[in-house]
PDB file of N, CA and C in Angstrom:
ATOM      1  N   UNK A   1     -15.279   9.209  18.705  1.00  0.00           N
ATOM      2  CA  UNK A   1     -14.898  10.399  17.951  1.00  0.00           C
ATOM      3  C   UNK A   1     -15.786  10.579  16.728  1.00  0.00           C
ATOM      4  N   UNK A   2     -16.093   9.468  16.087  1.00  0.00           N
ATOM      5  CA  UNK A   2     -16.904   9.552  14.877  1.00  0.00           C
ATOM      6  C   UNK A   2     -18.334   9.999  15.194  1.00  0.00           C
ATOM      7  N   UNK A   3     -18.935   9.356  16.171  1.00  0.00           N
ATOM      8  CA  UNK A   3     -20.328   9.652  16.488  1.00  0.00           C
ATOM      9  C   UNK A   3     -20.525  11.061  17.027  1.00  0.00           C
ATOM     10  N   UNK A   4     -19.579  11.533  17.843  1.00  0.00           N
ATOM     11  CA  UNK A   4     -19.727  12.851  18.463  1.00  0.00           C
ATOM     12  C   UNK A   4     -18.951  13.944  17.733  1.00  0.00           C
ATOM     13  N   UNK A   5     -18.319  13.559  16.611  1.00  0.00           N
ATOM     14  CA  UNK A   5     -17.563  14.510  15.791  1.00  0.00           C
ATOM     15  C   UNK A   5     -16.531  15.287  16.626  1.00  0.00           C
ATOM     16  N   UNK A   6     -15.738  14.537  17.391  1.00  0.00           N
ATOM     17  CA  UNK A   6     -14.739  15.133  18.288  1.00  0.00           C
ATOM     18  C   UNK A   6     -13.463  15.431  17.513  1.00  0.00           C
ATOM     19  N   UNK A   7     -12.898  16.601  17.749  1.00  0.00           N
ATOM     20  CA  UNK A   7     -11.621  17.003  17.162  1.00  0.00           C
ATOM     21  C   UNK A   7     -10.684  17.404  18.290  1.00  0.00           C
ATOM     22  N   UNK A   8      -9.433  16.948  18.196  1.00  0.00           N
ATOM     23  CA  UNK A   8      -8.419  17.256  19.198  1.00  0.00           C
ATOM     24  C   UNK A   8      -7.333  18.088  18.532  1.00  0.00           C
ATOM     25  N   UNK A   9      -6.859  19.099  19.211  1.00  0.00           N
ATOM     26  CA  UNK A   9      -5.763  19.924  18.697  1.00  0.00           C
ATOM     27  C   UNK A   9      -4.469  19.371  19.280  1.00  0.00           C
ATOM     28  N   UNK A  10      -3.569  18.900  18.410  1.00  0.00           N
ATOM     29  CA  UNK A  10      -2.312  18.329  18.863  1.00  0.00           C
ATOM     30  C   UNK A  10      -1.206  18.744  17.902  1.00  0.00           C
ATOM     31  N   UNK A  11      -0.139  19.282  18.426  1.00  0.00           N
ATOM     32  CA  UNK A  11       0.970  19.753  17.596  1.00  0.00           C
ATOM     33  C   UNK A  11       0.489  20.692  16.492  1.00  0.00           C
ATOM     34  N   UNK A  12      -0.382  21.597  16.866  1.00  0.00           N
ATOM     35  CA  UNK A  12      -0.939  22.608  15.959  1.00  0.00           C
ATOM     36  C   UNK A  12      -1.718  22.009  14.791  1.00  0.00           C
ATOM     37  N   UNK A  13      -2.184  20.765  14.970  1.00  0.00           N
ATOM     38  CA  UNK A  13      -3.000  20.113  13.935  1.00  0.00           C
ATOM     39  C   UNK A  13      -4.317  19.687  14.549  1.00  0.00           C
ATOM     40  N   UNK A  14      -5.356  19.747  13.746  1.00  0.00           N
ATOM     41  CA  UNK A  14      -6.657  19.246  14.177  1.00  0.00           C
ATOM     42  C   UNK A  14      -6.741  17.758  13.840  1.00  0.00           C
ATOM     43  N   UNK A  15      -6.923  16.946  14.859  1.00  0.00           N
ATOM     44  CA  UNK A  15      -7.018  15.503  14.668  1.00  0.00           C
ATOM     45  C   UNK A  15      -8.426  15.056  14.998  1.00  0.00           C
ATOM     46  N   UNK A  16      -8.988  14.233  14.115  1.00  0.00           N
ATOM     47  CA  UNK A  16     -10.333  13.718  14.322  1.00  0.00           C
ATOM     48  C   UNK A  16     -10.381  12.249  13.926  1.00  0.00           C
ATOM     49  N   UNK A  17     -11.556  11.707  13.879  1.00  0.00           N
ATOM     50  CA  UNK A  17     -11.740  10.289  13.552  1.00  0.00           C
ATOM     51  C   UNK A  17     -11.075   9.923  12.218  1.00  0.00           C
ATOM     52  N   UNK A  18     -11.308  10.743  11.204  1.00  0.00           N
ATOM     53  CA  UNK A  18     -10.767  10.465   9.868  1.00  0.00           C
ATOM     54  C   UNK A  18      -9.235  10.519   9.893  1.00  0.00           C
ATOM     55  N   UNK A  19      -8.663  11.477  10.588  1.00  0.00           N
ATOM     56  CA  UNK A  19      -7.201  11.600  10.680  1.00  0.00           C
ATOM     57  C   UNK A  19      -6.598  10.334  11.284  1.00  0.00           C
ATOM     58  N   UNK A  20      -7.172   9.905  12.401  1.00  0.00           N
ATOM     59  CA  UNK A  20      -6.644   8.708  13.059  1.00  0.00           C
ATOM     60  C   UNK A  20      -6.879   7.461  12.209  1.00  0.00           C
ATOM     61  N   UNK A  21      -8.019   7.362  11.568  1.00  0.00           N
ATOM     62  CA  UNK A  21      -8.301   6.212  10.720  1.00  0.00           C
ATOM     63  C   UNK A  21      -7.302   6.137   9.567  1.00  0.00           C
ATOM     64  N   UNK A  22      -6.991   7.266   8.958  1.00  0.00           N
ATOM     65  CA  UNK A  22      -6.019   7.280   7.859  1.00  0.00           C
ATOM     66  C   UNK A  22      -4.626   6.882   8.340  1.00  0.00           C
ATOM     67  N   UNK A  23      -4.269   7.237   9.564  1.00  0.00           N
ATOM     68  CA  UNK A  23      -2.966   6.837  10.103  1.00  0.00           C
ATOM     69  C   UNK A  23      -2.890   5.326  10.311  1.00  0.00           C
ATOM     70  N   UNK A  24      -3.998   4.731  10.707  1.00  0.00           N
ATOM     71  CA  UNK A  24      -4.010   3.306  11.030  1.00  0.00           C
ATOM     72  C   UNK A  24      -4.457   2.413   9.883  1.00  0.00           C
ATOM     73  N   UNK A  25      -4.985   3.006   8.841  1.00  0.00           N
ATOM     74  CA  UNK A  25      -5.640   2.273   7.759  1.00  0.00           C
ATOM     75  C   UNK A  25      -4.806   1.128   7.182  1.00  0.00           C
ATOM     76  N   UNK A  26      -3.520   1.346   6.977  1.00  0.00           N
ATOM     77  CA  UNK A  26      -2.689   0.330   6.333  1.00  0.00           C
ATOM     78  C   UNK A  26      -2.375  -0.850   7.237  1.00  0.00           C
ATOM     79  N   UNK A  27      -2.555  -0.699   8.535  1.00  0.00           N
ATOM     80  CA  UNK A  27      -2.165  -1.787   9.427  1.00  0.00           C
ATOM     81  C   UNK A  27      -3.336  -2.471  10.113  1.00  0.00           C
ATOM     82  N   UNK A  28      -4.528  -1.976   9.915  1.00  0.00           N
ATOM     83  CA  UNK A  28      -5.690  -2.650  10.483  1.00  0.00           C
ATOM     84  C   UNK A  28      -6.035  -3.882   9.650  1.00  0.00           C
ATOM     85  N   UNK A  29      -6.596  -4.862  10.291  1.00  0.00           N
ATOM     86  CA  UNK A  29      -7.065  -6.012   9.517  1.00  0.00           C
ATOM     87  C   UNK A  29      -8.254  -5.556   8.678  1.00  0.00           C
ATOM     88  N   UNK A  30      -8.569  -6.313   7.655  1.00  0.00           N
ATOM     89  CA  UNK A  30      -9.721  -5.979   6.818  1.00  0.00           C
ATOM     90  C   UNK A  30     -11.004  -5.941   7.642  1.00  0.00           C
ATOM     91  N   UNK A  31     -11.113  -6.855   8.608  1.00  0.00           N
ATOM     92  CA  UNK A  31     -12.317  -6.906   9.433  1.00  0.00           C
ATOM     93  C   UNK A  31     -12.448  -5.654  10.298  1.00  0.00           C
ATOM     94  N   UNK A  32     -11.330  -5.232  10.915  1.00  0.00           N
ATOM     95  CA  UNK A  32     -11.375  -4.045  11.762  1.00  0.00           C
ATOM     96  C   UNK A  32     -11.632  -2.787  10.938  1.00  0.00           C
ATOM     97  N   UNK A  33     -11.017  -2.702   9.775  1.00  0.00           N
ATOM     98  CA  UNK A  33     -11.238  -1.535   8.919  1.00  0.00           C
ATOM     99  C   UNK A  33     -12.708  -1.460   8.502  1.00  0.00           C
ATOM    100  N   UNK A  34     -13.269  -2.609   8.170  1.00  0.00           N
ATOM    101  CA  UNK A  34     -14.673  -2.614   7.758  1.00  0.00           C
ATOM    102  C   UNK A  34     -15.583  -2.204   8.919  1.00  0.00           C
ATOM    103  N   UNK A  35     -15.273  -2.635  10.135  1.00  0.00           N
ATOM    104  CA  UNK A  35     -16.053  -2.227  11.301  1.00  0.00           C
ATOM    105  C   UNK A  35     -15.969  -0.718  11.534  1.00  0.00           C
ATOM    106  N   UNK A  36     -14.781  -0.159  11.346  1.00  0.00           N
ATOM    107  CA  UNK A  36     -14.588   1.268  11.613  1.00  0.00           C
ATOM    108  C   UNK A  36     -15.128   2.167  10.512  1.00  0.00           C
ATOM    109  N   UNK A  37     -14.982   1.739   9.276  1.00  0.00           N
ATOM    110  CA  UNK A  37     -15.326   2.657   8.187  1.00  0.00           C
ATOM    111  C   UNK A  37     -16.122   2.017   7.061  1.00  0.00           C
ATOM    112  N   UNK A  38     -16.526   0.764   7.255  1.00  0.00           N
ATOM    113  CA  UNK A  38     -17.293   0.056   6.227  1.00  0.00           C
ATOM    114  C   UNK A  38     -16.603   0.108   4.869  1.00  0.00           C
ATOM    115  N   UNK A  39     -15.299  -0.057   4.882  1.00  0.00           N
ATOM    116  CA  UNK A  39     -14.514   0.041   3.651  1.00  0.00           C
ATOM    117  C   UNK A  39     -13.846  -1.296   3.339  1.00  0.00           C
ATOM    118  N   UNK A  40     -13.968  -1.713   2.115  1.00  0.00           N
ATOM    119  CA  UNK A  40     -13.264  -2.908   1.645  1.00  0.00           C
ATOM    120  C   UNK A  40     -11.943  -2.460   1.037  1.00  0.00           C
ATOM    121  N   UNK A  41     -10.941  -3.283   1.120  1.00  0.00           N
ATOM    122  CA  UNK A  41      -9.690  -2.940   0.447  1.00  0.00           C
ATOM    123  C   UNK A  41      -9.109  -4.176  -0.214  1.00  0.00           C
ATOM    124  N   UNK A  42      -8.285  -3.929  -1.210  1.00  0.00           N
ATOM    125  CA  UNK A  42      -7.727  -5.049  -1.952  1.00  0.00           C
ATOM    126  C   UNK A  42      -6.570  -5.672  -1.188  1.00  0.00           C
ATOM    127  N   UNK A  43      -6.303  -6.901  -1.513  1.00  0.00           N
ATOM    128  CA  UNK A  43      -5.190  -7.625  -0.936  1.00  0.00           C
ATOM    129  C   UNK A  43      -3.889  -6.997  -1.453  1.00  0.00           C
ATOM    130  N   UNK A  44      -2.928  -6.667  -0.586  1.00  0.00           N
ATOM    131  CA  UNK A  44      -1.677  -6.038  -1.051  1.00  0.00           C
ATOM    132  C   UNK A  44      -0.914  -6.886  -2.065  1.00  0.00           C
ATOM    133  N   UNK A  45      -1.055  -8.189  -1.980  1.00  0.00           N
ATOM    134  CA  UNK A  45      -0.331  -9.041  -2.933  1.00  0.00           C
ATOM    135  C   UNK A  45      -0.890  -8.925  -4.346  1.00  0.00           C
ATOM    136  N   UNK A  46      -2.134  -8.437  -4.482  1.00  0.00           N
ATOM    137  CA  UNK A  46      -2.710  -8.267  -5.814  1.00  0.00           C
ATOM    138  C   UNK A  46      -1.890  -7.299  -6.662  1.00  0.00           C
ATOM    139  N   UNK A  47      -1.400  -6.211  -6.053  1.00  0.00           N
ATOM    140  CA  UNK A  47      -0.610  -5.244  -6.829  1.00  0.00           C
ATOM    141  C   UNK A  47       0.724  -5.848  -7.251  1.00  0.00           C
ATOM    142  N   UNK A  48       1.290  -6.719  -6.418  1.00  0.00           N
ATOM    143  CA  UNK A  48       2.534  -7.397  -6.793  1.00  0.00           C
ATOM    144  C   UNK A  48       2.289  -8.288  -8.002  1.00  0.00           C
ATOM    145  N   UNK A  49       1.191  -9.035  -7.984  1.00  0.00           N
ATOM    146  CA  UNK A  49       0.858  -9.933  -9.095  1.00  0.00           C
ATOM    147  C   UNK A  49       0.650  -9.143 -10.384  1.00  0.00           C
ATOM    148  N   UNK A  50      -0.030  -8.005 -10.297  1.00  0.00           N
ATOM    149  CA  UNK A  50      -0.271  -7.168 -11.483  1.00  0.00           C
ATOM    150  C   UNK A  50       1.054  -6.683 -12.067  1.00  0.00           C
ATOM    151  N   UNK A  51       1.963  -6.219 -11.215  1.00  0.00           N
ATOM    152  CA  UNK A  51       3.262  -5.725 -11.682  1.00  0.00           C
ATOM    153  C   UNK A  51       4.052  -6.842 -12.358  1.00  0.00           C
ATOM    154  N   UNK A  52       4.084  -8.019 -11.742  1.00  0.00           N
ATOM    155  CA  UNK A  52       4.834  -9.133 -12.317  1.00  0.00           C
ATOM    156  C   UNK A  52       4.231  -9.593 -13.640  1.00  0.00           C
ATOM    157  N   UNK A  53       2.900  -9.640 -13.709  1.00  0.00           N
ATOM    158  CA  UNK A  53       2.255 -10.025 -14.969  1.00  0.00           C
ATOM    159  C   UNK A  53       2.586  -9.032 -16.075  1.00  0.00           C
ATOM    160  N   UNK A  54       2.548  -7.753 -15.750  1.00  0.00           N
ATOM    161  CA  UNK A  54       2.858  -6.734 -16.752  1.00  0.00           C
ATOM    162  C   UNK A  54       4.314  -6.849 -17.209  1.00  0.00           C
ATOM    163  N   UNK A  55       5.211  -7.121 -16.268  1.00  0.00           N
ATOM    164  CA  UNK A  55       6.626  -7.289 -16.620  1.00  0.00           C
ATOM    165  C   UNK A  55       6.807  -8.479 -17.554  1.00  0.00           C
ATOM    166  N   UNK A  56       6.196  -9.610 -17.225  1.00  0.00           N
ATOM    167  CA  UNK A  56       6.320 -10.816 -18.049  1.00  0.00           C
ATOM    168  C   UNK A  56       5.727 -10.577 -19.436  1.00  0.00           C
ATOM    169  N   UNK A  57       4.575  -9.925 -19.505  1.00  0.00           N
ATOM    170  CA  UNK A  57       3.931  -9.627 -20.789  1.00  0.00           C
ATOM    171  C   UNK A  57       4.819  -8.748 -21.655  1.00  0.00           C
ATOM    172  N   UNK A  58       5.396  -7.715 -21.057  1.00  0.00           N
ATOM    173  CA  UNK A  58       6.303  -6.833 -21.803  1.00  0.00           C
ATOM    174  C   UNK A  58       7.506  -7.603 -22.322  1.00  0.00           C
ATOM    175  N   UNK A  59       8.042  -8.468 -21.475  1.00  0.00           N
ATOM    176  CA  UNK A  59       9.235  -9.231 -21.858  1.00  0.00           C
ATOM    177  C   UNK A  59       8.907 -10.207 -22.995  1.00  0.00           C
ATOM    178  N   UNK A  60       7.757 -10.875 -22.893  1.00  0.00           N
ATOM    179  CA  UNK A  60       7.357 -11.831 -23.924  1.00  0.00           C
ATOM    180  C   UNK A  60       7.068 -11.139 -25.250  1.00  0.00           C
ATOM    181  N   UNK A  61       6.545  -9.922 -25.190  1.00  0.00           N
ATOM    182  CA  UNK A  61       6.214  -9.173 -26.406  1.00  0.00           C
ATOM    183  C   UNK A  61       7.369  -8.293 -26.893  1.00  0.00           C
ATOM    184  N   UNK A  62       8.518  -8.426 -26.247  1.00  0.00           N
ATOM    185  CA  UNK A  62       9.711  -7.649 -26.610  1.00  0.00           C
ATOM    186  C   UNK A  62       9.435  -6.147 -26.665  1.00  0.00           C
ATOM    187  N   UNK A  63       8.645  -5.661 -25.740  1.00  0.00           N
ATOM    188  CA  UNK A  63       8.371  -4.218 -25.694  1.00  0.00           C
ATOM    189  C   UNK A  63       9.589  -3.515 -25.113  1.00  0.00           C
ATOM    190  N   UNK A  64      10.123  -2.562 -25.888  1.00  0.00           N
ATOM    191  CA  UNK A  64      11.294  -1.826 -25.411  1.00  0.00           C
ATOM    192  C   UNK A  64      10.918  -0.952 -24.230  1.00  0.00           C
ATOM    193  N   UNK A  65      11.859  -0.810 -23.334  1.00  0.00           N
ATOM    194  CA  UNK A  65      11.677   0.013 -22.142  1.00  0.00           C
ATOM    195  C   UNK A  65      10.474  -0.427 -21.311  1.00  0.00           C
ATOM    196  N   UNK A  66      10.165  -1.709 -21.336  1.00  0.00           N
ATOM    197  CA  UNK A  66       9.037  -2.216 -20.563  1.00  0.00           C
ATOM    198  C   UNK A  66       9.190  -1.950 -19.082  1.00  0.00           C
ATOM    199  N   UNK A  67      10.418  -2.114 -18.594  1.00  0.00           N
ATOM    200  CA  UNK A  67      10.656  -1.865 -17.176  1.00  0.00           C
ATOM    201  C   UNK A  67      10.445  -0.397 -16.831  1.00  0.00           C
ATOM    202  N   UNK A  68      10.938   0.504 -17.693  1.00  0.00           N
ATOM    203  CA  UNK A  68      10.782   1.940 -17.432  1.00  0.00           C
ATOM    204  C   UNK A  68       9.305   2.334 -17.409  1.00  0.00           C
ATOM    205  N   UNK A  69       8.515   1.729 -18.292  1.00  0.00           N
ATOM    206  CA  UNK A  69       7.070   2.013 -18.307  1.00  0.00           C
ATOM    207  C   UNK A  69       6.427   1.577 -17.002  1.00  0.00           C
ATOM    208  N   UNK A  70       6.830   0.423 -16.501  1.00  0.00           N
ATOM    209  CA  UNK A  70       6.280  -0.083 -15.248  1.00  0.00           C
ATOM    210  C   UNK A  70       6.673   0.835 -14.089  1.00  0.00           C
ATOM    211  N   UNK A  71       7.935   1.255 -14.054  1.00  0.00           N
ATOM    212  CA  UNK A  71       8.400   2.148 -12.982  1.00  0.00           C
ATOM    213  C   UNK A  71       7.613   3.454 -12.992  1.00  0.00           C
ATOM    214  N   UNK A  72       7.360   3.993 -14.182  1.00  0.00           N
ATOM    215  CA  UNK A  72       6.600   5.239 -14.268  1.00  0.00           C
ATOM    216  C   UNK A  72       5.135   5.047 -13.891  1.00  0.00           C
ATOM    217  N   UNK A  73       4.610   3.867 -14.179  1.00  0.00           N
ATOM    218  CA  UNK A  73       3.198   3.598 -13.902  1.00  0.00           C
ATOM    219  C   UNK A  73       2.959   3.292 -12.421  1.00  0.00           C
ATOM    220  N   UNK A  74       3.859   2.519 -11.819  1.00  0.00           N
ATOM    221  CA  UNK A  74       3.706   2.109 -10.425  1.00  0.00           C
ATOM    222  C   UNK A  74       4.804   2.754  -9.597  1.00  0.00           C
ATOM    223  N   UNK A  75       4.576   3.960  -9.180  1.00  0.00           N
ATOM    224  CA  UNK A  75       5.570   4.674  -8.391  1.00  0.00           C
ATOM    225  C   UNK A  75       5.691   4.054  -7.005  1.00  0.00           C
ATOM    226  N   UNK A  76       6.840   4.262  -6.379  1.00  0.00           N
ATOM    227  CA  UNK A  76       7.036   3.776  -5.019  1.00  0.00           C
ATOM    228  C   UNK A  76       6.083   4.533  -4.112  1.00  0.00           C
ATOM    229  N   UNK A  77       5.372   3.798  -3.290  1.00  0.00           N
ATOM    230  CA  UNK A  77       4.391   4.424  -2.403  1.00  0.00           C
ATOM    231  C   UNK A  77       5.056   4.780  -1.082  1.00  0.00           C
ATOM    232  N   UNK A  78       4.812   5.981  -0.639  1.00  0.00           N
ATOM    233  CA  UNK A  78       5.363   6.416   0.643  1.00  0.00           C
ATOM    234  C   UNK A  78       4.216   6.449   1.640  1.00  0.00           C
ATOM    235  N   UNK A  79       4.231   5.488   2.540  1.00  0.00           N
ATOM    236  CA  UNK A  79       3.173   5.398   3.541  1.00  0.00           C
ATOM    237  C   UNK A  79       3.841   5.222   4.902  1.00  0.00           C
ATOM    238  N   UNK A  80       3.475   6.049   5.846  1.00  0.00           N
ATOM    239  CA  UNK A  80       3.948   5.848   7.208  1.00  0.00           C
ATOM    240  C   UNK A  80       3.006   4.861   7.863  1.00  0.00           C
ATOM    241  N   UNK A  81       3.564   3.771   8.359  1.00  0.00           N
ATOM    242  CA  UNK A  81       2.734   2.718   8.910  1.00  0.00           C
ATOM    243  C   UNK A  81       2.840   2.664  10.427  1.00  0.00           C
ATOM    244  N   UNK A  82       1.715   2.506  11.085  1.00  0.00           N
ATOM    245  CA  UNK A  82       1.672   2.233  12.510  1.00  0.00           C
ATOM    246  C   UNK A  82       1.414   0.745  12.679  1.00  0.00           C
ATOM    247  N   UNK A  83       1.724   0.219  13.820  1.00  0.00           N
ATOM    248  CA  UNK A  83       1.592  -1.218  14.018  1.00  0.00           C
ATOM    249  C   UNK A  83       0.737  -1.577  15.228  1.00  0.00           C
ATOM    250  N   UNK A  84      -0.554  -1.323  15.166  1.00  0.00           N
ATOM    251  CA  UNK A  84      -1.400  -1.718  16.290  1.00  0.00           C
ATOM    252  C   UNK A  84      -1.690  -3.213  16.296  1.00  0.00           C
ATOM    253  N   UNK A  85      -1.522  -3.861  15.154  1.00  0.00           N
ATOM    254  CA  UNK A  85      -1.850  -5.277  15.030  1.00  0.00           C
ATOM    255  C   UNK A  85      -0.736  -6.005  14.293  1.00  0.00           C
ATOM    256  N   UNK A  86      -0.583  -7.267  14.592  1.00  0.00           N
ATOM    257  CA  UNK A  86       0.444  -8.079  13.948  1.00  0.00           C
ATOM    258  C   UNK A  86       0.268  -8.109  12.436  1.00  0.00           C
ATOM    259  N   UNK A  87      -0.970  -8.074  11.961  1.00  0.00           N
ATOM    260  CA  UNK A  87      -1.199  -8.143  10.519  1.00  0.00           C
ATOM    261  C   UNK A  87      -0.594  -6.951   9.790  1.00  0.00           C
ATOM    262  N   UNK A  88      -0.327  -5.866  10.494  1.00  0.00           N
ATOM    263  CA  UNK A  88       0.319  -4.713   9.875  1.00  0.00           C
ATOM    264  C   UNK A  88       1.705  -5.055   9.376  1.00  0.00           C
ATOM    265  N   UNK A  89       2.391  -5.939  10.065  1.00  0.00           N
ATOM    266  CA  UNK A  89       3.736  -6.339   9.652  1.00  0.00           C
ATOM    267  C   UNK A  89       3.671  -7.061   8.311  1.00  0.00           C
ATOM    268  N   UNK A  90       2.665  -7.886   8.116  1.00  0.00           N
ATOM    269  CA  UNK A  90       2.491  -8.598   6.844  1.00  0.00           C
ATOM    270  C   UNK A  90       2.225  -7.613   5.713  1.00  0.00           C
ATOM    271  N   UNK A  91       1.409  -6.582   5.969  1.00  0.00           N
ATOM    272  CA  UNK A  91       1.131  -5.567   4.959  1.00  0.00           C
ATOM    273  C   UNK A  91       2.415  -4.828   4.589  1.00  0.00           C
ATOM    274  N   UNK A  92       3.235  -4.527   5.582  1.00  0.00           N
ATOM    275  CA  UNK A  92       4.491  -3.825   5.325  1.00  0.00           C
ATOM    276  C   UNK A  92       5.437  -4.708   4.510  1.00  0.00           C
ATOM    277  N   UNK A  93       5.488  -6.007   4.828  1.00  0.00           N
ATOM    278  CA  UNK A  93       6.354  -6.922   4.084  1.00  0.00           C
ATOM    279  C   UNK A  93       5.941  -6.960   2.614  1.00  0.00           C
ATOM    280  N   UNK A  94       4.647  -7.039   2.349  1.00  0.00           N
ATOM    281  CA  UNK A  94       4.178  -7.072   0.969  1.00  0.00           C
ATOM    282  C   UNK A  94       4.436  -5.746   0.266  1.00  0.00           C
ATOM    283  N   UNK A  95       4.292  -4.632   0.997  1.00  0.00           N
ATOM    284  CA  UNK A  95       4.588  -3.319   0.427  1.00  0.00           C
ATOM    285  C   UNK A  95       6.079  -3.239   0.069  1.00  0.00           C
ATOM    286  N   UNK A  96       6.927  -3.785   0.935  1.00  0.00           N
ATOM    287  CA  UNK A  96       8.367  -3.789   0.672  1.00  0.00           C
ATOM    288  C   UNK A  96       8.678  -4.563  -0.608  1.00  0.00           C
ATOM    289  N   UNK A  97       8.090  -5.733  -0.778  1.00  0.00           N
ATOM    290  CA  UNK A  97       8.321  -6.520  -1.994  1.00  0.00           C
ATOM    291  C   UNK A  97       7.867  -5.756  -3.234  1.00  0.00           C
ATOM    292  N   UNK A  98       6.699  -5.138  -3.140  1.00  0.00           N
ATOM    293  CA  UNK A  98       6.172  -4.372  -4.271  1.00  0.00           C
ATOM    294  C   UNK A  98       7.133  -3.246  -4.637  1.00  0.00           C
ATOM    295  N   UNK A  99       7.581  -2.477  -3.643  1.00  0.00           N
ATOM    296  CA  UNK A  99       8.471  -1.353  -3.911  1.00  0.00           C
ATOM    297  C   UNK A  99       9.850  -1.812  -4.371  1.00  0.00           C
ATOM    298  N   UNK A 100      10.287  -2.973  -3.895  1.00  0.00           N
ATOM    299  CA  UNK A 100      11.568  -3.513  -4.338  1.00  0.00           C
ATOM    300  C   UNK A 100      11.540  -3.802  -5.835  1.00  0.00           C
ATOM    301  N   UNK A 101      10.418  -4.340  -6.318  1.00  0.00           N
ATOM    302  CA  UNK A 101      10.284  -4.612  -7.750  1.00  0.00           C
ATOM    303  C   UNK A 101      10.372  -3.331  -8.574  1.00  0.00           C
ATOM    304  N   UNK A 102       9.830  -2.242  -8.039  1.00  0.00           N
ATOM    305  CA  UNK A 102       9.813  -0.979  -8.770  1.00  0.00           C
ATOM    306  C   UNK A 102      11.126  -0.234  -8.615  1.00  0.00           C
ATOM    307  N   UNK A 103      11.702  -0.285  -7.418  1.00  0.00           N
ATOM    308  CA  UNK A 103      12.910   0.490  -7.138  1.00  0.00           C
ATOM    309  C   UNK A 103      14.131  -0.070  -7.879  1.00  0.00           C
ATOM    310  N   UNK A 104      14.252  -1.365  -7.926  1.00  0.00           N
ATOM    311  CA  UNK A 104      15.378  -2.018  -8.607  1.00  0.00           C
ATOM    312  C   UNK A 104      14.855  -2.638  -9.898  1.00  0.00           C
ATOM    313  N   UNK A 105      15.750  -2.979 -10.778  1.00  0.00           N
ATOM    314  CA  UNK A 105      15.321  -3.619 -12.032  1.00  0.00           C
ATOM    315  C   UNK A 105      14.631  -4.929 -11.693  1.00  0.00           C
ATOM    316  N   UNK A 106      13.433  -5.109 -12.164  1.00  0.00           N
ATOM    317  CA  UNK A 106      12.658  -6.312 -11.868  1.00  0.00           C
ATOM    318  C   UNK A 106      13.424  -7.568 -12.255  1.00  0.00           C
ATOM    319  N   UNK A 107      14.203  -7.497 -13.323  1.00  0.00           N
ATOM    320  CA  UNK A 107      14.963  -8.674 -13.750  1.00  0.00           C
ATOM    321  C   UNK A 107      15.883  -9.182 -12.650  1.00  0.00           C
ATOM    322  N   UNK A 108      16.370  -8.269 -11.802  1.00  0.00           N
ATOM    323  CA  UNK A 108      17.257  -8.679 -10.710  1.00  0.00           C
ATOM    324  C   UNK A 108      16.497  -9.220  -9.503  1.00  0.00           C
ATOM    325  N   UNK A 109      15.242  -8.838  -9.360  1.00  0.00           N
ATOM    326  CA  UNK A 109      14.479  -9.205  -8.173  1.00  0.00           C
ATOM    327  C   UNK A 109      13.277 -10.094  -8.492  1.00  0.00           C
ATOM    328  N   UNK A 110      13.152 -10.513  -9.720  1.00  0.00           N
ATOM    329  CA  UNK A 110      11.979 -11.242 -10.169  1.00  0.00           C
ATOM    330  C   UNK A 110      11.758 -12.528  -9.396  1.00  0.00           C
ATOM    331  N   UNK A 111      12.813 -13.300  -9.185  1.00  0.00           N
ATOM    332  CA  UNK A 111      12.642 -14.588  -8.501  1.00  0.00           C
ATOM    333  C   UNK A 111      12.465 -14.405  -7.012  1.00  0.00           C
TER     334      UNK A 111
END
């Protein structure tokens, strides 16, 4: 599809290489994504670590409304995930943990 620039009309939408890649992007392994689009991506657990570090820093510095600032900064991500590979399940699990920290008070879910 990429090389020949093929587009398919399905459900009144034009679908092409980029459309399908975006649908599968979150569940492909890093190696497969790099083969398809030469794109590097960060480890999903990195965002969890950043959120937890920011929460701990706010708590240690007694910053008021630290949790509210984090919730506003890191909104819950809405991604529809497909599962062509087992590694997609791991990405979804990490996404769930990340969103759980934001959706509920981190103090309740920190451990």
